[in-house]
Amino acid sequence: MSLIANILIAIVALLHAWFLTLEMFLWTKPLGRKVFRLSPEFAEASKKLAMNQGLYNGFLVAGLVWGLLANDFHVKIFFLACVFVAGVYGGWSLSNRKVFFVQAFPALIALILLHLH
């Protein structure tokens, strides 16, 4: 169960590394605008906000990787809980279930698997 939980944590970290890339580097590019359904004008106007948001995703990645490398149960729990809360809030505040299922749900499953270990 621990191996499966760690694999899921790595997947969550990779997802957030992708979010970081989209928000920090691709926000105004065609792929970033397509993913987030942004007009070129809005993408340019909100670029700095997106970069800031991407940086926060980077901190989540760093924490999840730290937890995996140190094999520290509490670090894993803390950062997965942060991802879960962010996903729940994002899904609710944006009225977008996709945010919940892409961000919060994998973190929730990893949290459950860690506790079953």
C-alpha atoms as a PDB file:
ATOM      1  CA  MET A   1       0.000   0.000   0.000  1.00  0.00           C
ATOM      2  CA  SER A   2       2.902   2.333   0.792  1.00  0.00           C
ATOM      3  CA  LEU A   3       4.390   1.909  -2.702  1.00  0.00           C
ATOM      4  CA  ILE A   4       1.042   2.713  -4.330  1.00  0.00           C
ATOM      5  CA  ALA A   5       0.655   5.781  -2.095  1.00  0.00           C
ATOM      6  CA  ASN A   6       4.157   6.970  -3.015  1.00  0.00           C
ATOM      7  CA  ILE A   7       3.457   6.476  -6.726  1.00  0.00           C
ATOM      8  CA  LEU A   8       0.271   8.506  -6.372  1.00  0.00           C
ATOM      9  CA  ILE A   9       2.163  11.225  -4.473  1.00  0.00           C
ATOM     10  CA  ALA A  10       4.687  11.350  -7.317  1.00  0.00           C
ATOM     11  CA  ILE A  11       1.826  11.687  -9.809  1.00  0.00           C
ATOM     12  CA  VAL A  12       0.334  14.548  -7.755  1.00  0.00           C
ATOM     13  CA  ALA A  13       3.773  16.225  -7.719  1.00  0.00           C
ATOM     14  CA  LEU A  14       4.091  15.808 -11.495  1.00  0.00           C
ATOM     15  CA  LEU A  15       0.620  17.283 -12.018  1.00  0.00           C
ATOM     16  CA  HIS A  16       1.596  20.330  -9.979  1.00  0.00           C
ATOM     17  CA  ALA A  17       4.873  20.650 -11.854  1.00  0.00           C
ATOM     18  CA  TRP A  18       2.751  20.756 -15.024  1.00  0.00           C
ATOM     19  CA  PHE A  19       0.459  23.390 -13.468  1.00  0.00           C
ATOM     20  CA  LEU A  20       3.568  25.423 -12.577  1.00  0.00           C
ATOM     21  CA  THR A  21       4.763  25.194 -16.183  1.00  0.00           C
ATOM     22  CA  LEU A  22       1.381  26.198 -17.586  1.00  0.00           C
ATOM     23  CA  GLU A  23       0.992  29.147 -15.212  1.00  0.00           C
ATOM     24  CA  MET A  24       4.545  30.472 -15.132  1.00  0.00           C
ATOM     25  CA  PHE A  25       5.753  29.849 -18.663  1.00  0.00           C
ATOM     26  CA  LEU A  26       2.848  29.014 -20.992  1.00  0.00           C
ATOM     27  CA  TRP A  27       0.073  31.288 -19.701  1.00  0.00           C
ATOM     28  CA  THR A  28       0.238  33.674 -22.679  1.00  0.00           C
ATOM     29  CA  LYS A  29       1.236  30.999 -25.213  1.00  0.00           C
ATOM     30  CA  PRO A  30      -1.340  29.167 -27.362  1.00  0.00           C
ATOM     31  CA  LEU A  31      -1.275  26.016 -25.201  1.00  0.00           C
ATOM     32  CA  GLY A  32      -1.727  27.919 -21.938  1.00  0.00           C
ATOM     33  CA  ARG A  33      -4.517  30.044 -23.382  1.00  0.00           C
ATOM     34  CA  LYS A  34      -6.234  26.932 -24.738  1.00  0.00           C
ATOM     35  CA  VAL A  35      -6.009  25.000 -21.449  1.00  0.00           C
ATOM     36  CA  PHE A  36      -7.414  27.893 -19.426  1.00  0.00           C
ATOM     37  CA  ARG A  37      -9.675  29.233 -22.205  1.00  0.00           C
ATOM     38  CA  LEU A  38      -8.140  32.700 -22.125  1.00  0.00           C
ATOM     39  CA  SER A  39      -8.240  35.522 -24.607  1.00  0.00           C
ATOM     40  CA  PRO A  40      -4.800  36.873 -25.552  1.00  0.00           C
ATOM     41  CA  GLU A  41      -5.682  40.170 -23.857  1.00  0.00           C
ATOM     42  CA  PHE A  42      -6.766  38.578 -20.584  1.00  0.00           C
ATOM     43  CA  ALA A  43      -3.765  36.234 -20.581  1.00  0.00           C
ATOM     44  CA  GLU A  44      -1.384  39.162 -20.948  1.00  0.00           C
ATOM     45  CA  ALA A  45      -3.197  41.254 -18.320  1.00  0.00           C
ATOM     46  CA  SER A  46      -3.179  38.402 -15.774  1.00  0.00           C
ATOM     47  CA  LYS A  47       0.291  37.023 -16.544  1.00  0.00           C
ATOM     48  CA  LYS A  48       1.908  38.177 -13.274  1.00  0.00           C
ATOM     49  CA  LEU A  49      -0.928  36.750 -11.183  1.00  0.00           C
ATOM     50  CA  ALA A  50      -0.604  33.416 -12.992  1.00  0.00           C
ATOM     51  CA  MET A  51       3.162  33.372 -12.424  1.00  0.00           C
ATOM     52  CA  ASN A  52       2.573  33.908  -8.708  1.00  0.00           C
ATOM     53  CA  GLN A  53       0.049  31.066  -8.659  1.00  0.00           C
ATOM     54  CA  GLY A  54       2.512  28.859 -10.524  1.00  0.00           C
ATOM     55  CA  LEU A  55       5.155  29.571  -7.910  1.00  0.00           C
ATOM     56  CA  TYR A  56       2.806  28.313  -5.191  1.00  0.00           C
ATOM     57  CA  ASN A  57       2.337  25.119  -7.178  1.00  0.00           C
ATOM     58  CA  GLY A  58       6.121  24.832  -7.215  1.00  0.00           C
ATOM     59  CA  PHE A  59       6.169  24.961  -3.427  1.00  0.00           C
ATOM     60  CA  LEU A  60       3.662  22.111  -3.353  1.00  0.00           C
ATOM     61  CA  VAL A  61       5.886  20.107  -5.700  1.00  0.00           C
ATOM     62  CA  ALA A  62       8.920  20.789  -3.520  1.00  0.00           C
ATOM     63  CA  GLY A  63       7.076  19.666  -0.399  1.00  0.00           C
ATOM     64  CA  LEU A  64       5.767  16.476  -1.987  1.00  0.00           C
ATOM     65  CA  VAL A  65       9.213  15.601  -3.352  1.00  0.00           C
ATOM     66  CA  TRP A  66      10.725  16.344   0.068  1.00  0.00           C
ATOM     67  CA  GLY A  67       8.225  13.984   1.670  1.00  0.00           C
ATOM     68  CA  LEU A  68       9.047  11.254  -0.831  1.00  0.00           C
ATOM     69  CA  LEU A  69      12.828  11.639  -0.600  1.00  0.00           C
ATOM     70  CA  ALA A  70      12.839  11.831   3.202  1.00  0.00           C
ATOM     71  CA  ASN A  71      10.128   9.168   3.398  1.00  0.00           C
ATOM     72  CA  ASP A  72       8.502  11.383   6.015  1.00  0.00           C
ATOM     73  CA  PHE A  73       4.878  10.498   6.706  1.00  0.00           C
ATOM     74  CA  HIS A  74       4.042  13.871   8.283  1.00  0.00           C
ATOM     75  CA  VAL A  75       5.541  15.918   5.457  1.00  0.00           C
ATOM     76  CA  LYS A  76       3.588  13.858   2.918  1.00  0.00           C
ATOM     77  CA  ILE A  77       0.365  14.326   4.892  1.00  0.00           C
ATOM     78  CA  PHE A  78       0.879  18.072   5.265  1.00  0.00           C
ATOM     79  CA  PHE A  79       1.540  18.758   1.586  1.00  0.00           C
ATOM     80  CA  LEU A  80      -1.156  16.382   0.354  1.00  0.00           C
ATOM     81  CA  ALA A  81      -3.599  18.140   2.690  1.00  0.00           C
ATOM     82  CA  CYS A  82      -2.516  21.488   1.198  1.00  0.00           C
ATOM     83  CA  VAL A  83      -3.131  20.150  -2.313  1.00  0.00           C
ATOM     84  CA  PHE A  84      -6.500  18.733  -1.262  1.00  0.00           C
ATOM     85  CA  VAL A  85      -7.677  21.983   0.349  1.00  0.00           C
ATOM     86  CA  ALA A  86      -6.481  24.015  -2.654  1.00  0.00           C
ATOM     87  CA  GLY A  87      -8.325  21.658  -5.009  1.00  0.00           C
ATOM     88  CA  VAL A  88     -11.540  21.778  -3.015  1.00  0.00           C
ATOM     89  CA  TYR A  89     -11.383  25.562  -2.777  1.00  0.00           C
ATOM     90  CA  GLY A  90     -10.470  25.922  -6.459  1.00  0.00           C
ATOM     91  CA  GLY A  91     -13.303  23.657  -7.536  1.00  0.00           C
ATOM     92  CA  TRP A  92     -15.776  25.509  -5.327  1.00  0.00           C
ATOM     93  CA  SER A  93     -14.622  29.078  -6.052  1.00  0.00           C
ATOM     94  CA  LEU A  94     -14.441  28.485  -9.799  1.00  0.00           C
ATOM     95  CA  SER A  95     -17.614  26.359  -9.842  1.00  0.00           C
ATOM     96  CA  ASN A  96     -15.571  23.804 -11.765  1.00  0.00           C
ATOM     97  CA  ARG A  97     -15.752  20.121 -10.853  1.00  0.00           C
ATOM     98  CA  LYS A  98     -12.811  19.381 -13.128  1.00  0.00           C
ATOM     99  CA  VAL A  99     -10.502  21.293 -10.747  1.00  0.00           C
ATOM    100  CA  PHE A 100     -11.667  19.075  -7.899  1.00  0.00           C
ATOM    101  CA  PHE A 101     -11.158  15.841  -9.816  1.00  0.00           C
ATOM    102  CA  VAL A 102      -7.774  16.796 -11.305  1.00  0.00           C
ATOM    103  CA  GLN A 103      -6.296  18.354  -8.165  1.00  0.00           C
ATOM    104  CA  ALA A 104      -8.099  17.383  -4.969  1.00  0.00           C
ATOM    105  CA  PHE A 105      -9.235  13.835  -5.731  1.00  0.00           C
ATOM    106  CA  PRO A 106      -5.762  12.322  -6.378  1.00  0.00           C
ATOM    107  CA  ALA A 107      -4.479  13.971  -3.199  1.00  0.00           C
ATOM    108  CA  LEU A 108      -7.434  12.576  -1.237  1.00  0.00           C
ATOM    109  CA  ILE A 109      -6.786   9.046  -2.522  1.00  0.00           C
ATOM    110  CA  ALA A 110      -3.089   9.359  -1.624  1.00  0.00           C
ATOM    111  CA  LEU A 111      -4.035  10.591   1.859  1.00  0.00           C
ATOM    112  CA  ILE A 112      -6.331   7.599   2.342  1.00  0.00           C
ATOM    113  CA  LEU A 113      -3.668   5.160   1.113  1.00  0.00           C
ATOM    114  CA  LEU A 114      -1.077   6.698   3.442  1.00  0.00           C
ATOM    115  CA  HIS A 115      -3.403   6.223   6.392  1.00  0.00           C
ATOM    116  CA  LEU A 116      -4.067   2.598   5.445  1.00  0.00           C
ATOM    117  CA  HIS A 117      -0.340   1.934   5.546  1.00  0.00           C
END
